[in-house]
Every structure is written in structure tokens, then in C-alpha cells.
Amino acid sequence: MFKLDKTHHSSGNIYSQKKESFHYKGLTQEEIGKIFAYLNSVSFNYDISSPPKMDKTVFSSGNLMKR
């Protein structure tokens, strides 16, 4: 059975910040959101100007099983 390598990532708390957060210090939430959107577009290979739409039909009440 595979074991999770816990040495690469660590959980943080409000008293200690991760070293990755240094790059985002001083940015507004809007700027961080734009960076997040760009990184998602690169990760999932879609054009940032036209992101894919979420299929919300699976969450509609019409799909619930009737009793």
C-alpha cells in the first residue's frame, strides 16, 4: 500500500505563514483571484478569456429520485 509523503507539504495556522504566501503579500483579493484564474487555465488547458461552464444540471431538483 502506498503511503502519503507528508514531508513535501505542511499545514499552516494563523501564527505561521507558509513560504509560498510571500509572493502574494500585499496583493488585493482581486489580484490574487486573477492569478488563481490564470494558474487554473494553465493547469486545465483552457483559454483564460473563455473558461468552461460548470454543468449545474446534476444539482437541479429534477434529478432527485422521486419517492
Protein backbone atom coordinates (compact mmCIF):
# COMPACT_ATOMS: atom_id res chain seq x y z
CA MET A 1 0.00 0.00 0.00
CA PHE A 2 1.27 3.47 -0.88
CA LYS A 3 1.93 5.99 1.86
CA LEU A 4 1.44 9.73 1.56
CA ASP A 5 4.67 11.73 1.59
CA LYS A 6 3.99 14.30 4.31
CA THR A 7 7.42 15.91 4.12
CA HIS A 8 6.67 17.98 0.98
CA HIS A 9 3.68 19.96 2.24
CA SER A 10 2.80 21.20 5.67
CA SER A 11 -0.37 22.57 7.16
CA GLY A 12 -0.35 26.13 8.37
CA ASN A 13 -2.03 28.13 11.05
CA ILE A 14 -2.66 31.81 11.69
CA TYR A 15 0.63 32.16 13.59
CA SER A 16 2.96 30.77 10.94
CA GLN A 17 2.73 31.54 7.24
CA LYS A 18 3.97 29.23 4.55
CA LYS A 19 6.89 30.40 2.44
CA GLU A 20 4.66 30.25 -0.68
CA SER A 21 2.46 33.05 0.70
CA PHE A 22 5.37 35.51 0.49
CA HIS A 23 4.66 36.11 -3.21
CA TYR A 24 1.07 37.17 -2.52
CA LYS A 25 1.79 39.51 0.38
CA GLY A 26 0.44 42.99 -0.29
CA LEU A 27 -1.85 41.93 -3.15
CA THR A 28 -5.57 42.56 -3.08
CA GLN A 29 -8.07 39.71 -3.20
CA GLU A 30 -8.92 40.68 -6.78
CA GLU A 31 -5.28 40.41 -7.85
CA ILE A 32 -4.92 37.03 -6.12
CA GLY A 33 -8.13 35.90 -7.85
CA LYS A 34 -6.70 36.84 -11.26
CA ILE A 35 -3.53 34.88 -10.52
CA PHE A 36 -5.62 31.90 -9.39
CA ALA A 37 -7.72 32.07 -12.58
CA TYR A 38 -4.57 32.17 -14.72
CA LEU A 39 -3.00 29.21 -12.91
CA ASN A 40 -6.22 27.21 -13.30
CA SER A 41 -6.35 27.97 -17.02
CA VAL A 42 -2.79 26.74 -17.44
CA SER A 43 -3.38 23.65 -15.27
CA PHE A 44 -6.57 22.57 -17.02
CA ASN A 45 -5.57 23.80 -20.50
CA TYR A 46 -8.36 26.24 -21.36
CA ASP A 47 -8.39 29.79 -22.69
CA ILE A 48 -8.48 32.25 -19.78
CA SER A 49 -10.88 34.53 -21.67
CA SER A 50 -13.48 31.74 -22.00
CA PRO A 51 -13.37 29.34 -19.04
CA PRO A 52 -15.54 26.22 -19.19
CA LYS A 53 -19.00 26.42 -17.66
CA MET A 54 -19.97 24.20 -14.77
CA ASP A 55 -22.67 21.63 -15.53
CA LYS A 56 -25.27 22.52 -12.90
CA THR A 57 -27.89 20.06 -14.14
CA VAL A 58 -26.61 17.40 -11.73
CA PHE A 59 -27.56 19.71 -8.84
CA SER A 60 -31.09 20.51 -10.03
CA SER A 61 -34.07 19.21 -8.07
CA GLY A 62 -35.38 17.46 -11.19
CA ASN A 63 -32.65 14.86 -10.85
CA LEU A 64 -33.66 13.80 -7.35
CA MET A 65 -35.18 10.37 -7.04
CA LYS A 66 -38.92 10.52 -6.53
CA ARG A 67 -40.35 8.51 -3.65
